[in-house]
């Protein structure tokens, strides 16, 4: 199994309001077979649709940000099938 850890979280702020505009979360993973994974996930306010209305990036804890980034990263690596056409599975882009 690939052990994946967060190795950095960077907040990007609006220069005029100091509100968080995005958060970059970097992951590094490895296993005993020398397989590695390096992934950076950028979270924006559009990624918060499953949370309470009005929730902003500034309202989230580090653990909440990590959980959202892990979910978004997992979707990049293993996208869910969208539909089947002629026996071929098409995936979201």
C-alpha atoms as a PDB file:
ATOM      1  CA  UNK A   1       0.000   0.000   0.000  1.00  0.00           C
ATOM      2  CA  UNK A   2       1.147   3.507  -0.819  1.00  0.00           C
ATOM      3  CA  UNK A   3       1.652   5.594   2.327  1.00  0.00           C
ATOM      4  CA  UNK A   4       0.788   9.201   1.468  1.00  0.00           C
ATOM      5  CA  UNK A   5       1.593  12.183   3.673  1.00  0.00           C
ATOM      6  CA  UNK A   6       1.065  15.913   3.345  1.00  0.00           C
ATOM      7  CA  UNK A   7       4.399  17.665   2.976  1.00  0.00           C
ATOM      8  CA  UNK A   8       3.192  21.250   2.498  1.00  0.00           C
ATOM      9  CA  UNK A   9       0.146  23.486   2.524  1.00  0.00           C
ATOM     10  CA  UNK A  10       0.373  26.932   0.908  1.00  0.00           C
ATOM     11  CA  UNK A  11      -2.324  29.595   1.152  1.00  0.00           C
ATOM     12  CA  UNK A  12      -2.715  32.094  -1.706  1.00  0.00           C
ATOM     13  CA  UNK A  13      -4.189  35.397  -0.505  1.00  0.00           C
ATOM     14  CA  UNK A  14      -5.956  38.249  -2.271  1.00  0.00           C
ATOM     15  CA  UNK A  15      -3.610  41.248  -2.013  1.00  0.00           C
ATOM     16  CA  UNK A  16      -6.354  43.761  -1.287  1.00  0.00           C
ATOM     17  CA  UNK A  17      -8.575  41.765   1.119  1.00  0.00           C
ATOM     18  CA  UNK A  18      -6.145  39.195   2.561  1.00  0.00           C
ATOM     19  CA  UNK A  19      -8.825  36.531   2.025  1.00  0.00           C
ATOM     20  CA  UNK A  20      -7.666  33.086   0.946  1.00  0.00           C
ATOM     21  CA  UNK A  21      -8.258  32.603  -2.786  1.00  0.00           C
ATOM     22  CA  UNK A  22      -6.825  29.088  -3.045  1.00  0.00           C
ATOM     23  CA  UNK A  23      -4.887  26.513  -1.082  1.00  0.00           C
ATOM     24  CA  UNK A  24      -2.199  24.260  -2.592  1.00  0.00           C
ATOM     25  CA  UNK A  25      -1.720  20.962  -0.767  1.00  0.00           C
ATOM     26  CA  UNK A  26       1.283  18.811  -1.705  1.00  0.00           C
ATOM     27  CA  UNK A  27       1.392  15.091  -1.028  1.00  0.00           C
ATOM     28  CA  UNK A  28       4.265  12.636  -1.173  1.00  0.00           C
ATOM     29  CA  UNK A  29       3.758   8.906  -1.094  1.00  0.00           C
ATOM     30  CA  UNK A  30       5.885   5.783  -1.235  1.00  0.00           C
ATOM     31  CA  UNK A  31       5.766   2.058  -0.586  1.00  0.00           C
ATOM     32  CA  UNK A  32       8.212  -0.837  -0.103  1.00  0.00           C
ATOM     33  CA  UNK A  33       8.228  -1.572  -3.862  1.00  0.00           C
ATOM     34  CA  UNK A  34       9.891   1.821  -4.471  1.00  0.00           C
ATOM     35  CA  UNK A  35       6.772   3.218  -6.108  1.00  0.00           C
ATOM     36  CA  UNK A  36       6.327   6.928  -5.445  1.00  0.00           C
ATOM     37  CA  UNK A  37       3.652   9.563  -5.812  1.00  0.00           C
ATOM     38  CA  UNK A  38       4.072  13.340  -5.817  1.00  0.00           C
ATOM     39  CA  UNK A  39       0.837  15.284  -6.150  1.00  0.00           C
ATOM     40  CA  UNK A  40      -0.177  18.888  -5.597  1.00  0.00           C
ATOM     41  CA  UNK A  41      -3.893  19.653  -5.351  1.00  0.00           C
ATOM     42  CA  UNK A  42      -5.205  23.204  -5.601  1.00  0.00           C
ATOM     43  CA  UNK A  43      -8.403  23.917  -3.698  1.00  0.00           C
ATOM     44  CA  UNK A  44     -10.611  26.884  -4.602  1.00  0.00           C
ATOM     45  CA  UNK A  45     -13.974  28.085  -3.356  1.00  0.00           C
ATOM     46  CA  UNK A  46     -15.607  26.046  -6.145  1.00  0.00           C
ATOM     47  CA  UNK A  47     -14.398  22.893  -4.348  1.00  0.00           C
ATOM     48  CA  UNK A  48     -16.527  23.690  -1.284  1.00  0.00           C
ATOM     49  CA  UNK A  49     -19.932  22.873  -2.806  1.00  0.00           C
ATOM     50  CA  UNK A  50     -20.534  19.936  -0.417  1.00  0.00           C
ATOM     51  CA  UNK A  51     -20.049  22.152   2.665  1.00  0.00           C
ATOM     52  CA  UNK A  52     -22.489  24.550   4.311  1.00  0.00           C
ATOM     53  CA  UNK A  53     -23.480  27.517   2.155  1.00  0.00           C
ATOM     54  CA  UNK A  54     -21.275  30.514   2.836  1.00  0.00           C
ATOM     55  CA  UNK A  55     -18.274  28.426   3.941  1.00  0.00           C
ATOM     56  CA  UNK A  56     -15.035  29.965   2.694  1.00  0.00           C
ATOM     57  CA  UNK A  57     -11.505  28.588   2.514  1.00  0.00           C
ATOM     58  CA  UNK A  58     -10.629  30.792   5.500  1.00  0.00           C
ATOM     59  CA  UNK A  59     -13.232  28.923   7.604  1.00  0.00           C
ATOM     60  CA  UNK A  60     -11.595  25.503   7.187  1.00  0.00           C
ATOM     61  CA  UNK A  61      -9.142  23.848   9.553  1.00  0.00           C
ATOM     62  CA  UNK A  62      -5.928  22.266   8.322  1.00  0.00           C
ATOM     63  CA  UNK A  63      -7.507  18.819   8.737  1.00  0.00           C
ATOM     64  CA  UNK A  64     -10.564  19.821   6.697  1.00  0.00           C
ATOM     65  CA  UNK A  65      -8.323  21.200   3.941  1.00  0.00           C
ATOM     66  CA  UNK A  66      -6.290  17.984   3.933  1.00  0.00           C
ATOM     67  CA  UNK A  67      -9.448  15.841   3.708  1.00  0.00           C
ATOM     68  CA  UNK A  68     -10.814  17.867   0.778  1.00  0.00           C
ATOM     69  CA  UNK A  69      -7.457  17.752  -1.012  1.00  0.00           C
ATOM     70  CA  UNK A  70      -7.156  13.976  -0.500  1.00  0.00           C
ATOM     71  CA  UNK A  71     -10.627  13.476  -1.993  1.00  0.00           C
ATOM     72  CA  UNK A  72      -9.895  15.744  -4.963  1.00  0.00           C
ATOM     73  CA  UNK A  73      -6.523  14.033  -5.506  1.00  0.00           C
ATOM     74  CA  UNK A  74      -8.134  10.586  -5.372  1.00  0.00           C
ATOM     75  CA  UNK A  75     -10.590  11.724  -8.051  1.00  0.00           C
ATOM     76  CA  UNK A  76      -7.664  12.791 -10.268  1.00  0.00           C
ATOM     77  CA  UNK A  77      -5.933   9.449  -9.879  1.00  0.00           C
ATOM     78  CA  UNK A  78      -9.014   7.235 -10.151  1.00  0.00           C
ATOM     79  CA  UNK A  79     -11.834   9.137 -11.889  1.00  0.00           C
ATOM     80  CA  UNK A  80     -15.334   7.709 -11.643  1.00  0.00           C
ATOM     81  CA  UNK A  81     -16.859   6.375 -14.877  1.00  0.00           C
ATOM     82  CA  UNK A  82     -19.341   8.775 -16.452  1.00  0.00           C
ATOM     83  CA  UNK A  83     -21.054   6.639 -19.098  1.00  0.00           C
ATOM     84  CA  UNK A  84     -20.563   3.588 -21.273  1.00  0.00           C
ATOM     85  CA  UNK A  85     -20.566   3.905 -25.071  1.00  0.00           C
ATOM     86  CA  UNK A  86     -19.989   0.926 -27.394  1.00  0.00           C
ATOM     87  CA  UNK A  87     -18.519  -1.113 -24.540  1.00  0.00           C
ATOM     88  CA  UNK A  88     -15.911   1.559 -23.710  1.00  0.00           C
ATOM     89  CA  UNK A  89     -16.037   3.469 -20.442  1.00  0.00           C
ATOM     90  CA  UNK A  90     -15.697   7.221 -20.793  1.00  0.00           C
ATOM     91  CA  UNK A  91     -14.382   9.202 -17.861  1.00  0.00           C
ATOM     92  CA  UNK A  92     -14.840  12.807 -16.817  1.00  0.00           C
ATOM     93  CA  UNK A  93     -12.163  15.224 -17.986  1.00  0.00           C
END
